[in-house]
Amino acid sequence: MKVAGFGYRGAATADSLLMAYQAAGGRADALAVPEDKADAPCLVAFAAKVGLPVQPVAAEVLESIATPTQAPRVIEKRGTGSVAEACALAVAGPESRLIATRVISEDRMATCAIAGLDKTKDTA
C-alpha cells in the first residue's frame, strides 16, 4: 500500500494539494494528514477529487517519527522534520520507506510525500 502524506497551510486549496500530490508522483492508495487538519475543506475536496480515503495521524505519532527532511519551523511546531513525510510513514506502517520525499506545491501552500513497503526485501 502506498500512502500520500500531506502538510499544508490554512490558506491551501484543493489545487494546492493536487499540485503537491502530482509533484510527488501522484500514485497512492490512501491520504494521511495530521488529525487536526483531517476535516479541512481543501482536503475534503481533494480527497473526493482523487477518490482516496483520508487517514488522520495523531500529534503524538507525528512527534515519534524521524524524517529525512528537517525543517526547523516544522520541528518547532509539530515535533518532526516534515509533516508530510511523517504522516505518510505513520500510515504506511513500520516496515515502510519513503518512495518520494517531501515536495512543495507551486503555490508553496502544501507539501506531499509518499511512503510504501519496500517490495525488494526478501519476504521468505
C-alpha atoms as a PDB file:
ATOM      1  CA  MET A   1       0.000   0.000   0.000  1.00  0.00           C
ATOM      2  CA  LYS A   2       1.236   3.468  -0.900  1.00  0.00           C
ATOM      3  CA  VAL A   3       0.277   6.428   1.264  1.00  0.00           C
ATOM      4  CA  ALA A   4       0.491  10.102   0.345  1.00  0.00           C
ATOM      5  CA  GLY A   5       1.172  12.214   3.405  1.00  0.00           C
ATOM      6  CA  PHE A   6       0.380  15.918   3.442  1.00  0.00           C
ATOM      7  CA  GLY A   7       1.226  19.036   5.330  1.00  0.00           C
ATOM      8  CA  TYR A   8      -0.464  22.280   4.376  1.00  0.00           C
ATOM      9  CA  ARG A   9      -1.149  25.831   5.414  1.00  0.00           C
ATOM     10  CA  GLY A  10      -4.550  27.192   6.342  1.00  0.00           C
ATOM     11  CA  ALA A  11      -4.747  29.053   3.027  1.00  0.00           C
ATOM     12  CA  ALA A  12      -4.160  25.893   0.971  1.00  0.00           C
ATOM     13  CA  THR A  13      -6.714  24.864  -1.632  1.00  0.00           C
ATOM     14  CA  ALA A  14      -7.607  21.523  -3.162  1.00  0.00           C
ATOM     15  CA  ASP A  15      -5.472  22.609  -6.124  1.00  0.00           C
ATOM     16  CA  SER A  16      -2.516  23.192  -3.748  1.00  0.00           C
ATOM     17  CA  LEU A  17      -2.815  19.603  -2.553  1.00  0.00           C
ATOM     18  CA  LEU A  18      -3.210  18.323  -6.112  1.00  0.00           C
ATOM     19  CA  MET A  19      -0.061  20.153  -7.249  1.00  0.00           C
ATOM     20  CA  ALA A  20       1.951  18.653  -4.386  1.00  0.00           C
ATOM     21  CA  TYR A  21       0.482  15.179  -4.967  1.00  0.00           C
ATOM     22  CA  GLN A  22       1.306  15.261  -8.670  1.00  0.00           C
ATOM     23  CA  ALA A  23       4.832  16.544  -7.974  1.00  0.00           C
ATOM     24  CA  ALA A  24       5.380  13.584  -5.611  1.00  0.00           C
ATOM     25  CA  GLY A  25       4.299  11.088  -8.252  1.00  0.00           C
ATOM     26  CA  GLY A  26       0.537  11.120  -7.890  1.00  0.00           C
ATOM     27  CA  ARG A  27       0.020   7.455  -7.056  1.00  0.00           C
ATOM     28  CA  ALA A  28      -1.302   6.344  -3.680  1.00  0.00           C
ATOM     29  CA  ASP A  29      -3.943   4.153  -2.077  1.00  0.00           C
ATOM     30  CA  ALA A  30      -4.696   6.498   0.836  1.00  0.00           C
ATOM     31  CA  LEU A  31      -4.050  10.020   2.093  1.00  0.00           C
ATOM     32  CA  ALA A  32      -2.588  10.841   5.510  1.00  0.00           C
ATOM     33  CA  VAL A  33      -2.765  14.161   7.367  1.00  0.00           C
ATOM     34  CA  PRO A  34      -2.422  15.450  10.933  1.00  0.00           C
ATOM     35  CA  GLU A  35      -5.672  14.724  12.767  1.00  0.00           C
ATOM     36  CA  ASP A  36      -6.286  18.424  13.422  1.00  0.00           C
ATOM     37  CA  LYS A  37      -6.459  19.025   9.646  1.00  0.00           C
ATOM     38  CA  ALA A  38      -8.484  15.977   8.599  1.00  0.00           C
ATOM     39  CA  ASP A  39     -11.722  17.951   8.165  1.00  0.00           C
ATOM     40  CA  ALA A  40     -10.246  20.932   6.307  1.00  0.00           C
ATOM     41  CA  PRO A  41     -12.383  21.869   3.277  1.00  0.00           C
ATOM     42  CA  CYS A  42      -9.378  21.764   0.930  1.00  0.00           C
ATOM     43  CA  LEU A  43      -8.574  18.196   1.998  1.00  0.00           C
ATOM     44  CA  VAL A  44     -12.172  17.013   1.806  1.00  0.00           C
ATOM     45  CA  ALA A  45     -12.462  18.424  -1.739  1.00  0.00           C
ATOM     46  CA  PHE A  46      -9.103  16.964  -2.800  1.00  0.00           C
ATOM     47  CA  ALA A  47      -9.883  13.503  -1.367  1.00  0.00           C
ATOM     48  CA  ALA A  48     -13.210  13.479  -3.212  1.00  0.00           C
ATOM     49  CA  LYS A  49     -11.489  14.529  -6.439  1.00  0.00           C
ATOM     50  CA  VAL A  50      -8.898  11.735  -6.309  1.00  0.00           C
ATOM     51  CA  GLY A  51     -11.270   9.202  -4.718  1.00  0.00           C
ATOM     52  CA  LEU A  52      -8.984   8.207  -1.844  1.00  0.00           C
ATOM     53  CA  PRO A  53      -9.684   7.677   1.869  1.00  0.00           C
ATOM     54  CA  VAL A  54      -8.158  10.004   4.457  1.00  0.00           C
ATOM     55  CA  GLN A  55      -6.301   8.611   7.462  1.00  0.00           C
ATOM     56  CA  PRO A  56      -5.745  11.099  10.302  1.00  0.00           C
ATOM     57  CA  VAL A  57      -2.480  10.881  12.268  1.00  0.00           C
ATOM     58  CA  ALA A  58      -2.325  11.842  15.949  1.00  0.00           C
ATOM     59  CA  ALA A  59       0.113  14.561  17.020  1.00  0.00           C
ATOM     60  CA  GLU A  60       1.986  12.210  19.358  1.00  0.00           C
ATOM     61  CA  VAL A  61       2.533   9.768  16.491  1.00  0.00           C
ATOM     62  CA  LEU A  62       3.949  12.526  14.271  1.00  0.00           C
ATOM     63  CA  GLU A  63       6.387  13.503  17.022  1.00  0.00           C
ATOM     64  CA  SER A  64       7.725   9.942  17.205  1.00  0.00           C
ATOM     65  CA  ILE A  65       8.729   9.676  13.545  1.00  0.00           C
ATOM     66  CA  ALA A  66      12.152  10.701  12.272  1.00  0.00           C
ATOM     67  CA  THR A  67      12.158  12.136   8.756  1.00  0.00           C
ATOM     68  CA  PRO A  68      14.955  12.821   6.268  1.00  0.00           C
ATOM     69  CA  THR A  69      13.711  16.379   5.752  1.00  0.00           C
ATOM     70  CA  GLN A  70      14.448  18.606   8.739  1.00  0.00           C
ATOM     71  CA  ALA A  71      12.581  21.920   8.563  1.00  0.00           C
ATOM     72  CA  PRO A  72      13.314  23.913  11.745  1.00  0.00           C
ATOM     73  CA  ARG A  73       9.941  25.686  11.761  1.00  0.00           C
ATOM     74  CA  VAL A  74       8.115  22.359  11.441  1.00  0.00           C
ATOM     75  CA  ILE A  75      10.247  20.754  14.158  1.00  0.00           C
ATOM     76  CA  GLU A  76       9.349  23.615  16.497  1.00  0.00           C
ATOM     77  CA  LYS A  77       5.620  23.474  15.704  1.00  0.00           C
ATOM     78  CA  ARG A  78       4.998  19.749  15.103  1.00  0.00           C
ATOM     79  CA  GLY A  79       7.945  17.896  16.662  1.00  0.00           C
ATOM     80  CA  THR A  80       9.006  16.253  13.395  1.00  0.00           C
ATOM     81  CA  GLY A  81      11.090  17.438  10.458  1.00  0.00           C
ATOM     82  CA  SER A  82       8.374  17.002   7.820  1.00  0.00           C
ATOM     83  CA  VAL A  83       4.659  16.613   8.461  1.00  0.00           C
ATOM     84  CA  ALA A  84       4.113  15.107   5.009  1.00  0.00           C
ATOM     85  CA  GLU A  85       6.864  12.504   5.422  1.00  0.00           C
ATOM     86  CA  ALA A  86       5.837  11.621   8.986  1.00  0.00           C
ATOM     87  CA  CYS A  87       2.168  11.225   8.026  1.00  0.00           C
ATOM     88  CA  ALA A  88       2.997   9.006   5.052  1.00  0.00           C
ATOM     89  CA  LEU A  89       5.323   6.792   7.097  1.00  0.00           C
ATOM     90  CA  ALA A  90       2.893   6.562  10.037  1.00  0.00           C
ATOM     91  CA  VAL A  91       0.020   5.277   7.929  1.00  0.00           C
ATOM     92  CA  ALA A  92       2.099   3.101   5.589  1.00  0.00           C
ATOM     93  CA  GLY A  93       3.396   1.180   8.616  1.00  0.00           C
ATOM     94  CA  PRO A  94       6.608   0.364  10.464  1.00  0.00           C
ATOM     95  CA  GLU A  95       8.195  -1.545   7.571  1.00  0.00           C
ATOM     96  CA  SER A  96       7.543   1.239   5.055  1.00  0.00           C
ATOM     97  CA  ARG A  97      10.015   3.618   3.484  1.00  0.00           C
ATOM     98  CA  LEU A  98       9.705   6.896   1.632  1.00  0.00           C
ATOM     99  CA  ILE A  99       9.196   6.485  -2.088  1.00  0.00           C
ATOM    100  CA  ALA A 100       9.068  10.254  -2.599  1.00  0.00           C
ATOM    101  CA  THR A 101      10.432  12.659  -0.009  1.00  0.00           C
ATOM    102  CA  ARG A 102       8.632  15.902   0.666  1.00  0.00           C
ATOM    103  CA  VAL A 103       7.844  18.072  -2.329  1.00  0.00           C
ATOM    104  CA  ILE A 104       6.245  21.511  -2.224  1.00  0.00           C
ATOM    105  CA  SER A 105       3.323  22.706  -4.335  1.00  0.00           C
ATOM    106  CA  GLU A 106       3.988  25.511  -6.820  1.00  0.00           C
ATOM    107  CA  ASP A 107       1.991  27.950  -4.664  1.00  0.00           C
ATOM    108  CA  ARG A 108       4.030  26.846  -1.581  1.00  0.00           C
ATOM    109  CA  MET A 109       0.848  26.087   0.376  1.00  0.00           C
ATOM    110  CA  ALA A 110       1.139  22.278   0.571  1.00  0.00           C
ATOM    111  CA  THR A 111       3.711  19.505   0.835  1.00  0.00           C
ATOM    112  CA  CYS A 112       3.364  15.844  -0.078  1.00  0.00           C
ATOM    113  CA  ALA A 113       5.480  12.729   0.451  1.00  0.00           C
ATOM    114  CA  ILE A 114       4.701   9.140  -0.491  1.00  0.00           C
ATOM    115  CA  ALA A 115       5.608   6.062   1.539  1.00  0.00           C
ATOM    116  CA  GLY A 116       5.087   2.365   0.981  1.00  0.00           C
ATOM    117  CA  LEU A 117       6.511  -1.064   1.647  1.00  0.00           C
ATOM    118  CA  ASP A 118       9.862  -1.921   0.152  1.00  0.00           C
ATOM    119  CA  LYS A 119       8.993  -4.723  -2.241  1.00  0.00           C
ATOM    120  CA  THR A 120      12.668  -5.519  -2.827  1.00  0.00           C
ATOM    121  CA  LYS A 121      13.034  -7.074   0.656  1.00  0.00           C
ATOM    122  CA  ASP A 122      13.024 -10.836   0.885  1.00  0.00           C
ATOM    123  CA  THR A 123       9.757 -11.963   2.475  1.00  0.00           C
ATOM    124  CA  ALA A 124      10.759 -15.624   2.907  1.00  0.00           C
END
